[in-house]
Protein backbone atom coordinates (compact mmCIF):
# COMPACT_ATOMS: atom_id res chain seq x y z
CA MET A 1 12.21 208.33 239.73
CA SER A 2 11.09 211.39 237.76
CA ILE A 3 14.26 211.21 235.62
CA PHE A 4 13.58 207.51 234.91
CA LEU A 5 9.96 208.22 233.96
CA GLY A 6 11.11 211.08 231.72
CA LEU A 7 13.62 208.83 229.94
CA LEU A 8 10.98 206.10 229.60
CA GLY A 9 8.50 208.59 228.16
CA GLY A 10 11.12 209.94 225.75
CA LEU A 11 11.92 206.39 224.60
CA GLY A 12 8.22 205.77 224.00
CA LEU A 13 7.90 208.97 221.98
CA ALA A 14 11.01 208.05 219.96
CA LEU A 15 9.58 204.59 219.17
CA LEU A 16 6.25 206.14 218.20
CA ALA A 17 7.97 208.70 215.96
CA ASP A 18 10.04 205.93 214.36
CA TRP A 19 6.90 203.91 213.61
CA LEU A 20 5.02 206.91 212.23
CA LEU A 21 7.85 208.43 210.20
CA PHE A 22 9.93 205.54 208.91
CA ALA A 23 7.45 202.69 208.30
CA PRO A 24 5.81 204.54 205.37
CA TRP A 25 9.22 204.96 203.71
CA GLU A 26 9.75 201.20 203.90
CA ARG A 27 6.42 200.64 202.15
CA THR A 28 7.39 203.21 199.53
CA ARG A 29 10.60 201.34 198.78
CA SER A 30 8.56 198.16 198.40
CA ARG A 31 6.29 199.84 195.83
CA HIS A 32 9.30 201.18 193.96
CA SER A 33 10.82 197.71 193.87
CA LYS A 34 7.66 196.37 192.22
CA ILE A 35 7.89 199.07 189.57
CA GLY A 36 11.57 198.23 189.15
CA GLN A 37 10.73 194.56 188.63
CA ALA A 38 8.12 195.53 186.02
CA LEU A 39 10.71 197.67 184.23
CA LEU A 40 13.18 194.77 184.24
CA ARG A 41 10.57 192.36 182.86
CA ALA A 42 9.88 194.84 180.05
CA GLY A 43 13.61 195.20 179.34
CA VAL A 44 13.57 198.93 180.19
CA THR A 45 16.82 199.28 182.11
CA ALA A 46 17.55 202.94 181.33
CA VAL A 47 14.52 204.23 183.28
CA SER A 48 14.47 204.23 187.08
CA PRO A 49 11.22 203.75 189.05
CA ALA A 50 11.24 207.44 190.02
CA LYS A 51 11.57 208.51 186.37
CA PHE A 52 8.77 206.13 185.40
CA MET A 53 6.48 207.71 187.98
CA LEU A 54 7.34 211.15 186.55
CA ILE A 55 6.53 209.83 183.07
CA CYS A 56 3.13 208.66 184.35
CA LEU A 57 2.43 212.09 185.85
CA ALA A 58 3.56 213.87 182.67
CA SER A 59 1.35 211.59 180.59
CA GLY A 60 -1.61 212.43 182.82
CA VAL A 61 -0.97 216.16 182.39
CA VAL A 62 -0.72 215.81 178.60
CA PHE A 63 -3.98 213.82 178.44
CA ALA A 64 -5.69 216.41 180.63
CA LEU A 65 -4.51 219.35 178.52
CA LEU A 66 -5.52 217.69 175.25
CA THR A 67 -8.95 216.83 176.63
CA LEU A 68 -9.35 220.34 178.00
CA GLY A 69 -8.48 221.76 174.62
CA LEU A 70 -11.05 219.55 172.87
CA THR A 71 -13.94 219.82 175.34
CA ALA A 72 -13.18 222.93 177.43
CA SER A 73 -14.33 220.93 180.47
CA TRP A 74 -12.24 220.41 183.60
CA LEU A 75 -14.39 217.40 184.53
CA PHE A 76 -13.55 215.54 181.35
CA ALA A 77 -9.93 216.65 181.67
CA CYS A 78 -9.68 215.11 185.15
CA VAL A 79 -11.26 211.86 183.93
CA PHE A 80 -8.87 211.47 181.01
CA ALA A 81 -5.93 212.52 183.19
CA ILE A 82 -6.50 209.25 185.07
CA PHE A 83 -6.25 207.36 181.79
CA GLY A 84 -3.09 209.30 180.99
CA VAL A 85 -1.48 208.27 184.27
CA LEU A 86 -2.34 204.61 183.63
CA ALA A 87 -1.31 204.64 179.95
CA PRO A 88 2.48 204.17 180.57
CA TRP A 89 1.75 201.30 182.95
CA VAL A 90 -0.46 199.58 180.34
CA TYR A 91 2.28 200.07 177.75
CA LEU A 92 4.85 198.65 180.19
CA ARG A 93 2.72 195.55 180.76
CA HIS A 94 2.36 195.12 177.01
CA GLN A 95 6.12 195.40 176.49
CA ALA A 96 6.79 192.97 179.35
CA ALA A 97 4.39 190.40 177.86
CA LYS A 98 5.92 190.88 174.41
CA ARG A 99 9.45 190.48 175.77
CA GLN A 100 8.54 187.41 177.83
CA SER A 101 6.96 185.81 174.75
CA ALA A 102 10.08 186.53 172.69
CA LEU A 103 12.34 185.13 175.43
CA HIS A 104 10.26 181.94 175.66
CA GLU A 105 10.91 181.33 171.97
CA GLN A 106 14.66 181.90 172.34
CA TRP A 107 15.42 179.92 175.49
CA PRO A 108 15.52 176.50 173.73
CA GLU A 109 18.21 177.89 171.40
CA VAL A 110 20.15 179.22 174.41
CA VAL A 111 19.97 175.83 176.14
CA ASP A 112 21.16 174.09 172.98
CA HIS A 113 24.17 176.43 172.76
CA LEU A 114 24.99 175.79 176.42
CA ARG A 115 24.73 172.04 175.94
CA SER A 116 27.02 172.13 172.88
CA ALA A 117 29.59 174.28 174.68
CA ILE A 118 29.63 172.04 177.75
CA ARG A 119 29.99 168.91 175.58
CA ALA A 120 32.91 170.64 173.83
CA GLY A 121 34.70 170.93 177.18
CA LEU A 122 34.14 174.59 178.00
CA SER A 123 33.60 175.63 181.61
CA LEU A 124 30.26 177.04 182.74
CA PRO A 125 31.45 180.69 182.77
CA GLU A 126 32.95 180.26 179.30
CA SER A 127 29.76 178.62 178.04
CA LEU A 128 27.65 181.54 179.22
CA SER A 129 30.15 184.13 178.00
CA GLN A 130 30.23 182.72 174.46
CA LEU A 131 26.49 183.39 174.16
CA ALA A 132 27.48 187.03 173.72
CA GLN A 133 28.72 186.02 170.22
CA VAL A 134 26.62 182.96 169.24
CA GLY A 135 23.42 183.43 171.24
CA PRO A 136 20.18 185.07 170.08
CA GLU A 137 20.61 188.68 168.99
CA THR A 138 18.32 190.14 171.66
CA LEU A 139 20.13 188.33 174.48
CA ARG A 140 23.71 188.97 173.42
CA PRO A 141 24.06 192.29 175.30
CA VAL A 142 22.92 190.62 178.53
CA PHE A 143 25.45 187.81 178.25
CA ARG A 144 28.11 190.33 177.25
CA ASP A 145 27.44 192.10 180.55
CA PHE A 146 27.75 188.74 182.32
CA ALA A 147 31.16 188.19 180.75
CA LEU A 148 32.30 191.63 181.90
CA ASP A 149 30.98 191.02 185.43
CA TYR A 150 32.76 187.67 185.65
CA ARG A 151 36.04 189.16 184.44
CA ALA A 152 35.76 192.00 186.93
CA THR A 153 34.83 189.88 189.97
CA ALA A 154 36.07 186.38 189.09
CA ASN A 155 33.05 185.22 191.09
CA PHE A 156 30.67 183.00 189.13
CA SER A 157 27.89 183.14 191.72
CA THR A 158 27.86 186.95 191.87
CA ALA A 159 27.90 187.30 188.08
CA LEU A 160 25.10 184.72 187.84
CA ASP A 161 22.98 186.69 190.32
CA GLN A 162 23.43 189.88 188.30
CA LEU A 163 22.54 188.02 185.11
CA GLY A 164 19.34 186.74 186.70
CA GLU A 165 18.39 190.26 187.77
CA ARG A 166 18.88 191.60 184.24
CA LEU A 167 16.90 188.81 182.61
CA ALA A 168 14.06 188.80 185.20
CA ASP A 169 12.58 185.68 183.60
CA PRO A 170 11.35 182.47 185.30
CA VAL A 171 12.83 180.20 182.62
CA ALA A 172 16.19 181.94 182.99
CA ASP A 173 15.98 181.34 186.74
CA LYS A 174 15.59 177.60 186.15
CA ILE A 175 18.56 177.47 183.79
CA LEU A 176 20.79 179.57 186.04
CA THR A 177 19.81 177.55 189.12
CA THR A 178 20.71 174.33 187.31
CA LEU A 179 24.10 175.76 186.36
CA ARG A 180 24.69 177.05 189.89
CA ILE A 181 23.93 173.67 191.48
CA THR A 182 26.16 171.90 188.96
CA ARG A 183 28.97 174.37 189.69
CA GLU A 184 28.67 173.93 193.45
CA VAL A 185 28.02 170.19 193.88
CA GLY A 186 29.20 168.81 190.56
CA GLY A 187 27.46 166.31 188.31
CA THR A 188 27.95 164.41 185.07
CA ASP A 189 24.40 164.49 183.69
CA LEU A 190 24.18 168.25 182.99
CA GLY A 191 24.06 167.66 179.23
CA GLN A 192 21.12 165.28 179.54
CA THR A 193 19.39 167.68 181.92
CA LEU A 194 19.76 170.55 179.48
CA ALA A 195 18.50 168.39 176.61
CA THR A 196 15.39 167.49 178.59
CA LEU A 197 14.88 171.13 179.54
CA ALA A 198 15.19 172.24 175.89
CA ALA A 199 12.57 169.69 174.80
CA PHE A 200 10.24 170.81 177.57
CA LEU A 201 10.69 174.48 176.63
CA ARG A 202 9.91 173.79 172.97
CA ASP A 203 6.69 172.01 173.94
CA ASP A 204 5.78 174.90 176.23
CA VAL A 205 6.41 177.47 173.47
CA ARG A 206 4.27 175.50 171.03
CA THR A 207 1.39 175.18 173.50
CA ARG A 208 1.51 178.82 174.56
CA GLY A 209 1.59 179.95 170.94
CA GLU A 210 -1.58 178.02 170.14
CA LEU A 211 -3.39 179.34 173.22
CA ALA A 212 -2.27 182.92 172.60
CA ALA A 213 -3.49 182.76 168.98
CA ARG A 214 -6.92 181.57 170.12
CA GLN A 215 -7.24 184.15 172.88
CA SER A 216 -5.83 187.17 171.05
CA TRP A 217 -9.07 188.12 169.29
CA ILE A 218 -11.05 187.73 172.54
CA VAL A 219 -8.65 190.00 174.44
CA SER A 220 -8.63 192.57 171.63
CA ALA A 221 -12.44 192.63 171.53
CA ALA A 222 -12.60 193.06 175.30
CA ARG A 223 -10.16 195.98 175.20
CA LEU A 224 -12.18 197.63 172.45
CA ALA A 225 -15.36 197.16 174.48
CA VAL A 226 -13.74 198.92 177.46
CA ALA A 227 -12.30 201.78 175.39
CA ALA A 228 -15.33 202.44 173.13
CA PRO A 229 -17.55 204.20 175.73
CA TRP A 230 -14.77 206.61 176.67
CA ILE A 231 -13.97 207.42 173.04
CA LEU A 232 -17.67 208.13 172.55
CA LEU A 233 -17.63 210.29 175.69
CA LEU A 234 -14.73 212.32 174.29
CA VAL A 235 -16.67 212.90 171.08
CA LEU A 236 -19.83 213.90 172.99
CA GLY A 237 -17.73 216.24 175.14
CA THR A 238 -17.35 218.54 172.14
CA GLN A 239 -21.12 219.19 172.21
CA PRO A 240 -22.24 221.87 174.73
CA ALA A 241 -25.51 220.09 175.60
CA ALA A 242 -23.79 216.79 176.45
CA LYS A 243 -21.07 218.58 178.38
CA ASP A 244 -23.63 220.46 180.50
CA ALA A 245 -25.49 217.22 181.21
CA TYR A 246 -22.38 215.60 182.67
CA LEU A 247 -21.66 218.64 184.84
CA THR A 248 -24.71 217.84 186.98
CA PRO A 249 -24.39 215.67 190.14
CA ALA A 250 -26.06 212.79 188.31
CA GLY A 251 -23.63 213.16 185.42
CA VAL A 252 -20.63 213.14 187.75
CA PHE A 253 -22.00 209.99 189.44
CA VAL A 254 -22.38 208.31 186.03
CA LEU A 255 -18.76 209.13 185.16
CA LEU A 256 -17.43 207.81 188.47
CA ALA A 257 -19.53 204.66 188.18
CA GLY A 258 -18.26 204.19 184.63
CA LEU A 259 -14.65 204.51 185.80
CA VAL A 260 -15.17 201.86 188.47
CA VAL A 261 -16.98 199.47 186.13
CA SER A 262 -14.37 199.94 183.37
CA PHE A 263 -11.52 199.29 185.82
CA LEU A 264 -13.15 196.15 187.21
CA CYS A 265 -14.02 194.82 183.76
CA TYR A 266 -10.50 195.47 182.50
CA ARG A 267 -8.98 193.64 185.46
CA VAL A 268 -11.35 190.70 184.97
CA MET A 269 -10.48 190.64 181.27
CA LEU A 270 -6.76 190.56 182.05
CA ARG A 271 -7.27 187.77 184.59
CA LEU A 272 -9.38 185.62 182.26
CA GLY A 273 -7.28 186.27 179.16
CA ALA A 274 -3.86 185.79 180.74
CA LEU A 275 -1.94 182.57 180.41
CA PRO A 276 -0.49 181.02 183.58
CA ILE A 277 2.63 182.89 184.69
CA GLU A 278 5.50 180.91 186.16
CA GLU A 279 6.85 182.06 189.50
CA ARG A 280 10.44 183.22 189.53
CA VAL A 281 12.91 181.11 191.50
CA LEU A 282 15.48 183.87 192.05
CA SER A 283 13.10 186.82 192.70
């Protein structure tokens, strides 16, 4: 009985250790996958999530050292180190939005090329592969990689999955899903389907362009309103009297409250100024 109780207790300790030690690593991988998806949406394929985190830390250190050199205050250096850590992420979001906007303008042309190739009698893999020569300039490397993957594996579904991962775009997911279904179950109305999709995409690009033009000055003004107090704080930090005032408990509280308010206002601004984002089908 004592041996059985000992084994039972050891099993319980092993389960507890597994929950305590390995569950956090699973959550860490989930966070890294989100960073990886953000890198893919921005078109940054040469940087891994771990390297991006190191870039964020290095940016925070650089911001802290520059602020320390200007103000000679560790308090201000710590505050601007936070901005330095967040700066690469803000830049990544900007690049992702810029890339998604550019892709939205190019997808109708891609669909038209696919429709012409299919009407000319080319197979689906050949139609996608030829986009490496006749497609939009920014998308040619991606379709060139698709052609190499298909030649290496001779598996259209696998190459299509890898293409969807590289593009990381909801419109691309719709196009690739349509091609996959046509490949698997067949169909004679693919040309008409692609023509309808191209017309819909052009209307969507036109509408989004008008909305983005109207909202751009509002978003820019909101960003300036968030950044202006901290630029002014950096200028005041060069004055000994202002620096000493912020070194008091009340001054530290004001800085922390300002950080919280700036973060909340920035998030609200992003939420109100963002256009609706389509959900990915293949994510």
